N, C-alpha and C. Protein backbone atom coordinates (compact mmCIF):
# COMPACT_ATOMS: atom_id res chain seq x y z
N MET A 1 -13.62 -10.50 -102.02
CA MET A 1 -13.76 -10.55 -100.58
C MET A 1 -14.55 -11.79 -100.19
N SER A 2 -14.18 -12.40 -99.14
CA SER A 2 -14.89 -13.55 -98.60
C SER A 2 -16.06 -13.08 -97.76
N ILE A 3 -17.14 -13.82 -97.80
CA ILE A 3 -18.29 -13.46 -96.97
C ILE A 3 -17.99 -13.70 -95.50
N PHE A 4 -16.91 -14.41 -95.21
CA PHE A 4 -16.58 -14.73 -93.83
C PHE A 4 -15.54 -13.79 -93.23
N GLU A 5 -14.95 -12.90 -94.02
CA GLU A 5 -13.90 -12.03 -93.51
C GLU A 5 -14.37 -11.12 -92.39
N SER A 6 -15.60 -10.65 -92.45
CA SER A 6 -16.09 -9.73 -91.44
C SER A 6 -16.79 -10.45 -90.28
N CYS A 7 -16.83 -11.74 -90.33
CA CYS A 7 -17.49 -12.53 -89.30
C CYS A 7 -16.78 -12.37 -87.96
N LYS A 8 -17.53 -12.13 -86.89
CA LYS A 8 -16.95 -11.96 -85.56
C LYS A 8 -16.20 -13.22 -85.12
N ALA A 9 -16.68 -14.38 -85.52
CA ALA A 9 -16.01 -15.63 -85.14
C ALA A 9 -14.62 -15.71 -85.75
N VAL A 10 -14.48 -15.26 -86.99
CA VAL A 10 -13.16 -15.28 -87.64
C VAL A 10 -12.21 -14.36 -86.89
N ASN A 11 -12.68 -13.19 -86.53
CA ASN A 11 -11.82 -12.25 -85.78
C ASN A 11 -11.42 -12.84 -84.44
N ALA A 12 -12.34 -13.51 -83.77
CA ALA A 12 -12.03 -14.14 -82.49
C ALA A 12 -11.02 -15.27 -82.67
N LEU A 13 -11.18 -16.06 -83.72
CA LEU A 13 -10.23 -17.14 -83.99
C LEU A 13 -8.84 -16.58 -84.28
N ARG A 14 -8.79 -15.49 -85.01
CA ARG A 14 -7.48 -14.87 -85.29
C ARG A 14 -6.80 -14.42 -84.01
N ARG A 15 -7.57 -13.92 -83.07
CA ARG A 15 -6.98 -13.49 -81.79
C ARG A 15 -6.45 -14.67 -80.98
N THR A 16 -6.93 -15.87 -81.26
CA THR A 16 -6.47 -17.05 -80.51
C THR A 16 -5.43 -17.86 -81.28
N GLY A 17 -4.85 -17.28 -82.32
CA GLY A 17 -3.75 -17.95 -83.00
C GLY A 17 -4.06 -18.58 -84.34
N TYR A 18 -5.27 -18.38 -84.85
CA TYR A 18 -5.60 -18.90 -86.18
C TYR A 18 -5.23 -17.87 -87.24
N SER A 19 -4.82 -18.37 -88.40
CA SER A 19 -4.53 -17.48 -89.52
C SER A 19 -5.08 -18.11 -90.79
N GLN A 20 -5.17 -17.30 -91.82
CA GLN A 20 -5.70 -17.79 -93.09
C GLN A 20 -4.70 -18.72 -93.76
N ALA A 21 -5.12 -19.95 -94.03
CA ALA A 21 -4.29 -20.92 -94.72
C ALA A 21 -4.55 -20.89 -96.22
N ASP A 22 -5.79 -20.61 -96.59
CA ASP A 22 -6.17 -20.59 -98.00
C ASP A 22 -7.56 -19.98 -98.10
N GLU A 23 -8.07 -19.99 -99.31
CA GLU A 23 -9.42 -19.51 -99.58
C GLU A 23 -10.07 -20.48 -100.56
N MET A 24 -11.31 -20.84 -100.28
CA MET A 24 -12.07 -21.73 -101.15
C MET A 24 -13.07 -20.89 -101.93
N ALA A 25 -12.93 -20.88 -103.26
CA ALA A 25 -13.87 -20.17 -104.12
C ALA A 25 -14.99 -21.13 -104.52
N VAL A 26 -16.22 -20.68 -104.38
CA VAL A 26 -17.39 -21.46 -104.76
C VAL A 26 -17.95 -20.84 -106.04
N LEU A 27 -18.04 -21.65 -107.09
CA LEU A 27 -18.40 -21.18 -108.42
C LEU A 27 -19.68 -21.87 -108.91
N VAL A 28 -20.39 -21.19 -109.80
CA VAL A 28 -21.56 -21.76 -110.44
C VAL A 28 -21.36 -21.68 -111.95
N SER A 29 -21.77 -22.73 -112.65
CA SER A 29 -21.64 -22.77 -114.10
C SER A 29 -22.76 -21.94 -114.71
N LYS A 30 -22.37 -20.92 -115.49
CA LYS A 30 -23.35 -20.00 -116.08
C LYS A 30 -23.25 -19.93 -117.59
N GLY A 31 -22.04 -19.75 -118.09
CA GLY A 31 -21.88 -19.49 -119.51
C GLY A 31 -21.48 -20.71 -120.29
N ARG A 32 -21.39 -20.51 -121.59
CA ARG A 32 -20.98 -21.55 -122.50
C ARG A 32 -19.52 -21.91 -122.26
N ILE A 33 -19.18 -23.18 -122.38
CA ILE A 33 -17.81 -23.62 -122.24
C ILE A 33 -17.17 -23.59 -123.63
N PRO A 34 -16.21 -22.70 -123.84
CA PRO A 34 -15.64 -22.54 -125.18
C PRO A 34 -14.81 -23.74 -125.62
N ASP A 35 -14.91 -24.04 -126.89
CA ASP A 35 -14.06 -25.04 -127.53
C ASP A 35 -14.02 -26.38 -126.79
N ALA A 36 -15.15 -26.81 -126.28
CA ALA A 36 -15.19 -28.06 -125.53
C ALA A 36 -15.60 -29.21 -126.43
N THR A 37 -14.80 -30.25 -126.43
CA THR A 37 -15.16 -31.49 -127.11
C THR A 37 -15.30 -32.56 -126.05
N THR A 38 -16.42 -33.26 -126.08
CA THR A 38 -16.71 -34.25 -125.04
C THR A 38 -16.78 -35.67 -125.58
N GLY A 39 -16.42 -35.86 -126.84
CA GLY A 39 -16.54 -37.18 -127.45
C GLY A 39 -15.72 -38.27 -126.78
N ASP A 40 -14.61 -37.89 -126.14
CA ASP A 40 -13.76 -38.89 -125.50
C ASP A 40 -14.03 -39.01 -124.01
N VAL A 41 -15.08 -38.36 -123.51
CA VAL A 41 -15.42 -38.41 -122.09
C VAL A 41 -16.56 -39.41 -121.90
N ILE A 42 -16.33 -40.39 -121.04
CA ILE A 42 -17.29 -41.45 -120.79
C ILE A 42 -17.59 -41.53 -119.30
N VAL A 43 -18.68 -42.21 -118.97
CA VAL A 43 -18.94 -42.57 -117.58
C VAL A 43 -18.05 -43.77 -117.29
N SER A 44 -17.20 -43.63 -116.30
CA SER A 44 -16.20 -44.66 -116.01
C SER A 44 -16.85 -45.89 -115.39
N ARG A 45 -16.48 -47.04 -115.90
CA ARG A 45 -16.90 -48.32 -115.32
C ARG A 45 -15.71 -49.02 -114.67
N ASP A 46 -14.52 -48.56 -114.95
CA ASP A 46 -13.28 -49.15 -114.44
C ASP A 46 -12.78 -48.30 -113.26
N LEU A 47 -13.20 -48.66 -112.06
CA LEU A 47 -12.88 -47.86 -110.89
C LEU A 47 -11.39 -47.81 -110.61
N ARG A 48 -10.69 -48.87 -110.89
CA ARG A 48 -9.23 -48.88 -110.67
C ARG A 48 -8.54 -47.88 -111.60
N SER A 49 -8.91 -47.90 -112.87
CA SER A 49 -8.33 -46.97 -113.85
C SER A 49 -8.63 -45.53 -113.46
N TRP A 50 -9.88 -45.26 -113.03
CA TRP A 50 -10.27 -43.91 -112.61
C TRP A 50 -9.42 -43.48 -111.42
N THR A 51 -9.28 -44.37 -110.44
CA THR A 51 -8.53 -44.04 -109.22
C THR A 51 -7.06 -43.79 -109.51
N VAL A 52 -6.45 -44.62 -110.35
CA VAL A 52 -5.04 -44.42 -110.71
C VAL A 52 -4.86 -43.06 -111.39
N ALA A 53 -5.75 -42.73 -112.31
CA ALA A 53 -5.65 -41.43 -113.00
C ALA A 53 -5.86 -40.28 -112.02
N TYR A 54 -6.80 -40.42 -111.10
CA TYR A 54 -7.01 -39.39 -110.08
C TYR A 54 -5.73 -39.18 -109.26
N LEU A 55 -5.16 -40.26 -108.78
CA LEU A 55 -3.95 -40.16 -107.96
C LEU A 55 -2.77 -39.58 -108.74
N ARG A 56 -2.61 -39.99 -109.97
CA ARG A 56 -1.52 -39.44 -110.80
C ARG A 56 -1.74 -37.96 -111.07
N SER A 57 -2.99 -37.56 -111.28
CA SER A 57 -3.31 -36.16 -111.56
C SER A 57 -3.00 -35.25 -110.38
N PHE A 58 -3.34 -35.71 -109.19
CA PHE A 58 -3.22 -34.86 -108.01
C PHE A 58 -1.97 -35.11 -107.17
N TYR A 59 -1.45 -36.33 -107.19
CA TYR A 59 -0.34 -36.68 -106.31
C TYR A 59 0.91 -37.16 -107.04
N GLY A 60 0.80 -37.38 -108.34
CA GLY A 60 1.96 -37.76 -109.13
C GLY A 60 2.28 -39.24 -109.13
N ASP A 61 1.60 -40.03 -108.31
CA ASP A 61 1.82 -41.48 -108.30
C ASP A 61 0.56 -42.16 -107.77
N SER A 62 0.59 -43.47 -107.69
CA SER A 62 -0.59 -44.21 -107.22
C SER A 62 -0.31 -44.94 -105.92
N ALA A 63 0.54 -44.38 -105.08
CA ALA A 63 0.91 -45.01 -103.82
C ALA A 63 -0.30 -45.23 -102.90
N LEU A 64 -1.31 -44.40 -102.99
CA LEU A 64 -2.48 -44.51 -102.12
C LEU A 64 -3.62 -45.30 -102.76
N LEU A 65 -3.30 -46.13 -103.74
CA LEU A 65 -4.32 -46.83 -104.53
C LEU A 65 -5.28 -47.63 -103.66
N ASP A 66 -4.79 -48.41 -102.71
CA ASP A 66 -5.68 -49.25 -101.91
C ASP A 66 -6.65 -48.42 -101.08
N VAL A 67 -6.15 -47.41 -100.40
CA VAL A 67 -6.99 -46.58 -99.53
C VAL A 67 -8.00 -45.79 -100.35
N VAL A 68 -7.52 -45.08 -101.36
CA VAL A 68 -8.41 -44.25 -102.18
C VAL A 68 -9.36 -45.13 -102.99
N GLY A 69 -8.89 -46.28 -103.45
CA GLY A 69 -9.74 -47.21 -104.20
C GLY A 69 -10.97 -47.63 -103.42
N LYS A 70 -10.81 -47.85 -102.12
CA LYS A 70 -11.95 -48.22 -101.27
C LYS A 70 -12.97 -47.08 -101.19
N LEU A 71 -12.46 -45.85 -101.08
CA LEU A 71 -13.36 -44.69 -101.03
C LEU A 71 -14.10 -44.51 -102.35
N VAL A 72 -13.39 -44.66 -103.46
CA VAL A 72 -14.01 -44.51 -104.78
C VAL A 72 -15.07 -45.59 -104.99
N THR A 73 -14.78 -46.81 -104.58
CA THR A 73 -15.76 -47.90 -104.70
C THR A 73 -17.01 -47.58 -103.89
N SER A 74 -16.83 -47.10 -102.68
CA SER A 74 -17.96 -46.74 -101.83
C SER A 74 -18.79 -45.62 -102.45
N LEU A 75 -18.11 -44.59 -102.96
CA LEU A 75 -18.82 -43.49 -103.61
C LEU A 75 -19.61 -43.96 -104.82
N SER A 76 -19.01 -44.82 -105.62
CA SER A 76 -19.68 -45.26 -106.84
C SER A 76 -20.93 -46.08 -106.53
N LYS A 77 -20.92 -46.76 -105.40
CA LYS A 77 -22.08 -47.56 -105.00
C LYS A 77 -23.21 -46.71 -104.42
N SER A 78 -22.90 -45.47 -104.04
CA SER A 78 -23.89 -44.61 -103.39
C SER A 78 -25.04 -44.21 -104.31
N GLY A 79 -24.79 -44.21 -105.62
CA GLY A 79 -25.82 -43.79 -106.57
C GLY A 79 -25.92 -42.28 -106.73
N LYS A 80 -25.17 -41.53 -105.95
CA LYS A 80 -25.21 -40.07 -106.02
C LYS A 80 -24.03 -39.51 -106.81
N VAL A 81 -23.15 -40.37 -107.25
CA VAL A 81 -21.91 -39.93 -107.90
C VAL A 81 -21.78 -40.58 -109.27
N THR A 82 -21.38 -39.76 -110.24
CA THR A 82 -21.00 -40.27 -111.56
C THR A 82 -19.53 -39.96 -111.74
N LEU A 83 -18.75 -40.99 -112.03
CA LEU A 83 -17.33 -40.81 -112.27
C LEU A 83 -17.10 -40.67 -113.77
N LEU A 84 -16.54 -39.55 -114.17
CA LEU A 84 -16.28 -39.29 -115.59
C LEU A 84 -14.81 -39.54 -115.88
N GLU A 85 -14.55 -40.02 -117.08
CA GLU A 85 -13.20 -40.37 -117.49
C GLU A 85 -12.99 -39.90 -118.92
N SER A 86 -11.90 -39.19 -119.13
CA SER A 86 -11.52 -38.78 -120.47
C SER A 86 -10.51 -39.79 -120.99
N ARG A 87 -10.75 -40.32 -122.18
CA ARG A 87 -9.88 -41.34 -122.76
C ARG A 87 -9.04 -40.74 -123.87
N ALA A 88 -7.76 -41.12 -123.90
CA ALA A 88 -6.85 -40.68 -124.97
C ALA A 88 -5.69 -41.66 -125.04
N GLY A 89 -5.28 -41.98 -126.25
CA GLY A 89 -4.13 -42.85 -126.44
C GLY A 89 -4.29 -44.22 -125.79
N GLY A 90 -5.52 -44.72 -125.71
CA GLY A 90 -5.75 -46.04 -125.14
C GLY A 90 -5.79 -46.07 -123.62
N GLY A 91 -5.72 -44.91 -122.97
CA GLY A 91 -5.74 -44.88 -121.51
C GLY A 91 -6.57 -43.74 -120.99
N THR A 92 -6.55 -43.58 -119.69
CA THR A 92 -7.30 -42.52 -119.03
C THR A 92 -6.45 -41.26 -118.99
N ALA A 93 -6.95 -40.18 -119.58
CA ALA A 93 -6.22 -38.92 -119.65
C ALA A 93 -6.63 -37.96 -118.53
N GLY A 94 -7.83 -38.14 -118.00
CA GLY A 94 -8.30 -37.26 -116.94
C GLY A 94 -9.58 -37.78 -116.32
N VAL A 95 -9.92 -37.22 -115.17
CA VAL A 95 -11.09 -37.69 -114.43
C VAL A 95 -11.83 -36.51 -113.80
N ALA A 96 -13.07 -36.78 -113.45
CA ALA A 96 -13.89 -35.84 -112.68
C ALA A 96 -14.98 -36.64 -112.00
N ALA A 97 -15.51 -36.10 -110.91
CA ALA A 97 -16.62 -36.74 -110.20
C ALA A 97 -17.77 -35.75 -110.12
N LEU A 98 -18.96 -36.23 -110.41
CA LEU A 98 -20.16 -35.40 -110.36
C LEU A 98 -21.05 -35.91 -109.23
N PHE A 99 -21.17 -35.12 -108.15
CA PHE A 99 -21.97 -35.47 -106.98
C PHE A 99 -23.31 -34.77 -107.07
N ARG A 100 -24.38 -35.51 -106.76
CA ARG A 100 -25.71 -34.94 -106.86
C ARG A 100 -26.39 -34.76 -105.50
N THR A 101 -27.05 -33.62 -105.37
CA THR A 101 -27.97 -33.36 -104.28
C THR A 101 -29.20 -32.75 -104.94
N PRO A 102 -30.30 -32.61 -104.22
CA PRO A 102 -31.50 -32.06 -104.87
C PRO A 102 -31.23 -30.71 -105.54
N GLY A 103 -31.41 -30.67 -106.85
CA GLY A 103 -31.27 -29.43 -107.61
C GLY A 103 -29.85 -29.01 -107.94
N VAL A 104 -28.85 -29.71 -107.39
CA VAL A 104 -27.47 -29.30 -107.57
C VAL A 104 -26.60 -30.49 -107.96
N ALA A 105 -25.65 -30.22 -108.85
CA ALA A 105 -24.61 -31.20 -109.18
C ALA A 105 -23.27 -30.52 -108.95
N GLY A 106 -22.49 -31.09 -108.07
CA GLY A 106 -21.17 -30.54 -107.78
C GLY A 106 -20.11 -31.31 -108.54
N VAL A 107 -19.28 -30.61 -109.28
CA VAL A 107 -18.19 -31.28 -110.00
C VAL A 107 -16.92 -31.13 -109.17
N TYR A 108 -16.28 -32.26 -108.89
CA TYR A 108 -15.10 -32.32 -108.03
C TYR A 108 -14.04 -33.19 -108.68
N CYS A 109 -12.87 -33.12 -108.13
CA CYS A 109 -11.76 -34.00 -108.53
C CYS A 109 -11.44 -33.90 -110.02
N VAL A 110 -11.54 -32.72 -110.60
CA VAL A 110 -11.21 -32.54 -112.01
C VAL A 110 -9.69 -32.56 -112.12
N GLY A 111 -9.17 -33.59 -112.76
CA GLY A 111 -7.72 -33.71 -112.86
C GLY A 111 -7.30 -34.33 -114.18
N THR A 112 -6.13 -33.94 -114.63
CA THR A 112 -5.56 -34.45 -115.88
C THR A 112 -4.20 -35.07 -115.57
N VAL A 113 -3.98 -36.28 -116.08
CA VAL A 113 -2.67 -36.92 -115.86
C VAL A 113 -1.60 -36.09 -116.56
N PRO A 114 -0.41 -36.05 -116.01
CA PRO A 114 0.63 -35.12 -116.49
C PRO A 114 0.88 -35.14 -118.00
N GLU A 115 0.93 -36.30 -118.61
CA GLU A 115 1.26 -36.34 -120.04
C GLU A 115 0.15 -35.85 -120.96
N HIS A 116 -1.02 -35.55 -120.41
CA HIS A 116 -2.13 -35.05 -121.24
C HIS A 116 -2.56 -33.64 -120.87
N ARG A 117 -1.77 -32.96 -120.08
CA ARG A 117 -2.11 -31.59 -119.70
C ARG A 117 -2.00 -30.66 -120.90
N ARG A 118 -2.84 -29.64 -120.90
CA ARG A 118 -2.89 -28.62 -121.96
C ARG A 118 -3.40 -29.19 -123.29
N GLU A 119 -4.20 -30.26 -123.21
CA GLU A 119 -4.81 -30.86 -124.41
C GLU A 119 -6.33 -30.70 -124.41
N GLY A 120 -6.88 -29.95 -123.47
CA GLY A 120 -8.33 -29.75 -123.40
C GLY A 120 -9.07 -30.83 -122.64
N VAL A 121 -8.35 -31.69 -121.93
CA VAL A 121 -8.96 -32.80 -121.20
C VAL A 121 -9.91 -32.28 -120.11
N ALA A 122 -9.43 -31.38 -119.26
CA ALA A 122 -10.27 -30.85 -118.18
C ALA A 122 -11.48 -30.09 -118.72
N THR A 123 -11.28 -29.36 -119.80
CA THR A 123 -12.39 -28.64 -120.42
C THR A 123 -13.47 -29.61 -120.89
N GLY A 124 -13.06 -30.71 -121.51
CA GLY A 124 -14.01 -31.72 -121.96
C GLY A 124 -14.75 -32.38 -120.81
N LEU A 125 -14.05 -32.64 -119.72
CA LEU A 125 -14.69 -33.22 -118.54
C LEU A 125 -15.74 -32.28 -117.95
N ILE A 126 -15.38 -31.01 -117.85
CA ILE A 126 -16.32 -30.02 -117.32
C ILE A 126 -17.53 -29.89 -118.24
N ALA A 127 -17.30 -29.89 -119.55
CA ALA A 127 -18.40 -29.78 -120.51
C ALA A 127 -19.35 -30.98 -120.39
N ARG A 128 -18.80 -32.18 -120.25
CA ARG A 128 -19.66 -33.38 -120.10
C ARG A 128 -20.44 -33.29 -118.78
N ALA A 129 -19.77 -32.86 -117.71
CA ALA A 129 -20.45 -32.71 -116.42
C ALA A 129 -21.60 -31.72 -116.55
N ARG A 130 -21.36 -30.65 -117.29
CA ARG A 130 -22.41 -29.64 -117.47
C ARG A 130 -23.57 -30.22 -118.28
N GLU A 131 -23.28 -30.99 -119.33
CA GLU A 131 -24.35 -31.63 -120.12
C GLU A 131 -25.23 -32.50 -119.22
N ILE A 132 -24.59 -33.29 -118.38
CA ILE A 132 -25.33 -34.19 -117.48
C ILE A 132 -26.15 -33.36 -116.50
N SER A 133 -25.54 -32.35 -115.91
CA SER A 133 -26.24 -31.50 -114.94
C SER A 133 -27.47 -30.85 -115.56
N GLU A 134 -27.29 -30.29 -116.76
CA GLU A 134 -28.41 -29.62 -117.43
C GLU A 134 -29.51 -30.61 -117.81
N SER A 135 -29.11 -31.82 -118.27
CA SER A 135 -30.12 -32.81 -118.66
C SER A 135 -30.95 -33.26 -117.47
N GLU A 136 -30.40 -33.15 -116.26
CA GLU A 136 -31.10 -33.53 -115.04
C GLU A 136 -31.77 -32.33 -114.36
N GLY A 137 -31.65 -31.14 -114.98
CA GLY A 137 -32.25 -29.94 -114.41
C GLY A 137 -31.55 -29.46 -113.15
N ARG A 138 -30.26 -29.73 -113.04
CA ARG A 138 -29.50 -29.34 -111.85
C ARG A 138 -28.57 -28.17 -112.16
N THR A 139 -28.33 -27.35 -111.17
CA THR A 139 -27.33 -26.29 -111.26
C THR A 139 -25.98 -26.90 -110.94
N MET A 140 -24.99 -26.63 -111.78
CA MET A 140 -23.66 -27.19 -111.54
C MET A 140 -22.80 -26.20 -110.76
N ILE A 141 -22.21 -26.69 -109.68
CA ILE A 141 -21.30 -25.87 -108.89
C ILE A 141 -19.94 -26.55 -108.83
N LEU A 142 -18.96 -25.77 -108.42
CA LEU A 142 -17.59 -26.25 -108.30
C LEU A 142 -16.90 -25.44 -107.21
N GLN A 143 -16.04 -26.08 -106.46
CA GLN A 143 -15.23 -25.38 -105.46
C GLN A 143 -13.76 -25.59 -105.81
N THR A 144 -12.97 -24.55 -105.62
CA THR A 144 -11.54 -24.68 -105.88
C THR A 144 -10.76 -23.85 -104.88
N LEU A 145 -9.62 -24.37 -104.49
CA LEU A 145 -8.73 -23.61 -103.62
C LEU A 145 -8.05 -22.52 -104.45
N VAL A 146 -8.05 -21.32 -103.94
CA VAL A 146 -7.42 -20.21 -104.66
C VAL A 146 -5.93 -20.48 -104.86
N SER A 147 -5.28 -21.13 -103.89
CA SER A 147 -3.84 -21.43 -104.00
C SER A 147 -3.51 -22.40 -105.13
N ASP A 148 -4.51 -23.14 -105.62
CA ASP A 148 -4.26 -24.07 -106.74
C ASP A 148 -4.08 -23.35 -108.07
N MET A 149 -4.36 -22.05 -108.08
CA MET A 149 -4.11 -21.22 -109.26
C MET A 149 -4.91 -21.63 -110.49
N VAL A 150 -6.12 -22.18 -110.30
CA VAL A 150 -6.95 -22.58 -111.45
C VAL A 150 -8.27 -21.81 -111.51
N LEU A 151 -8.44 -20.83 -110.63
CA LEU A 151 -9.67 -20.05 -110.63
C LEU A 151 -9.91 -19.42 -112.00
N GLY A 152 -8.90 -18.82 -112.58
CA GLY A 152 -9.03 -18.21 -113.91
C GLY A 152 -9.43 -19.21 -114.98
N PHE A 153 -8.90 -20.42 -114.88
CA PHE A 153 -9.26 -21.50 -115.81
C PHE A 153 -10.77 -21.72 -115.79
N TYR A 154 -11.34 -21.83 -114.59
CA TYR A 154 -12.77 -22.08 -114.47
C TYR A 154 -13.60 -20.87 -114.91
N LEU A 155 -13.15 -19.68 -114.58
CA LEU A 155 -13.88 -18.49 -114.99
C LEU A 155 -13.95 -18.39 -116.51
N LYS A 156 -12.89 -18.79 -117.21
CA LYS A 156 -12.88 -18.77 -118.67
C LYS A 156 -13.74 -19.87 -119.27
N ARG A 157 -14.21 -20.80 -118.46
CA ARG A 157 -15.03 -21.90 -118.94
C ARG A 157 -16.47 -21.79 -118.45
N GLY A 158 -16.91 -20.55 -118.27
CA GLY A 158 -18.32 -20.30 -118.01
C GLY A 158 -18.75 -20.32 -116.56
N PHE A 159 -17.82 -20.37 -115.63
CA PHE A 159 -18.19 -20.31 -114.22
C PHE A 159 -18.16 -18.87 -113.73
N GLU A 160 -19.00 -18.60 -112.75
CA GLU A 160 -18.99 -17.31 -112.06
C GLU A 160 -18.79 -17.57 -110.58
N LYS A 161 -18.03 -16.71 -109.94
CA LYS A 161 -17.78 -16.87 -108.51
C LYS A 161 -19.00 -16.42 -107.73
N LEU A 162 -19.53 -17.31 -106.90
CA LEU A 162 -20.66 -16.98 -106.03
C LEU A 162 -20.14 -16.31 -104.76
N TYR A 163 -19.18 -16.93 -104.13
CA TYR A 163 -18.58 -16.41 -102.91
C TYR A 163 -17.31 -17.20 -102.62
N SER A 164 -16.61 -16.80 -101.61
CA SER A 164 -15.46 -17.57 -101.16
C SER A 164 -15.52 -17.70 -99.65
N LYS A 165 -14.80 -18.66 -99.14
CA LYS A 165 -14.74 -18.84 -97.70
C LYS A 165 -13.30 -19.03 -97.27
N LEU A 166 -12.98 -18.47 -96.15
CA LEU A 166 -11.63 -18.56 -95.64
C LEU A 166 -11.39 -19.92 -95.02
N LEU A 167 -10.20 -20.44 -95.23
CA LEU A 167 -9.78 -21.67 -94.57
C LEU A 167 -8.71 -21.26 -93.57
N LEU A 168 -8.99 -21.51 -92.30
CA LEU A 168 -8.10 -21.09 -91.23
C LEU A 168 -7.34 -22.30 -90.67
N GLU A 169 -6.16 -21.99 -90.10
CA GLU A 169 -5.40 -23.03 -89.43
C GLU A 169 -4.80 -22.44 -88.16
N LYS A 170 -4.60 -23.32 -87.19
CA LYS A 170 -3.99 -22.89 -85.92
C LYS A 170 -2.49 -22.77 -86.12
N SER A 171 -1.93 -21.68 -85.65
CA SER A 171 -0.48 -21.49 -85.81
C SER A 171 0.28 -22.54 -85.03
N SER A 172 1.47 -22.84 -85.48
CA SER A 172 2.27 -23.92 -84.87
C SER A 172 2.88 -23.51 -83.54
N ASN A 173 2.83 -22.23 -83.19
CA ASN A 173 3.42 -21.82 -81.92
C ASN A 173 2.51 -22.11 -80.72
N GLY A 174 1.33 -22.71 -81.01
CA GLY A 174 0.45 -23.17 -79.94
C GLY A 174 -0.28 -22.07 -79.19
N ARG A 175 -0.26 -20.89 -79.68
CA ARG A 175 -0.94 -19.77 -79.04
C ARG A 175 -2.42 -19.98 -78.88
């Protein structure tokens, strides 16, 4: 159950034409990550390579390279983000971003390029992110859309669900 389902505002929004589009699960890293090898996971210095792998992982191509590349460059300069890269076969097999706030490290953008899926790439990235988080004394959190069908993947890798939040959208009939 979402902590927002019983919220009066959600009920009011539903009466005005909003409906649930998805659900965002918020997770915290608690347990050991099974069978994780992190030897091929590095802190990325090649922002272009990281961005191409991110785009291929999530969108299947690198058509948005210029736009997303500018965002990645800006994030990397902020000092609050560590870009992780899993290397395999001479290239980038997967990526993740670790964002820091006081006491917390959020792991985002965990993605594996198609030809390296089911090889433990994402598990290794999560394990490296957890090592970094723990070494800095931070709690590691992660958010995932329930519709992405990866909640079980994260739960099997030592995460526990803290709560979820509803994502609402206005219906197209303009009500």
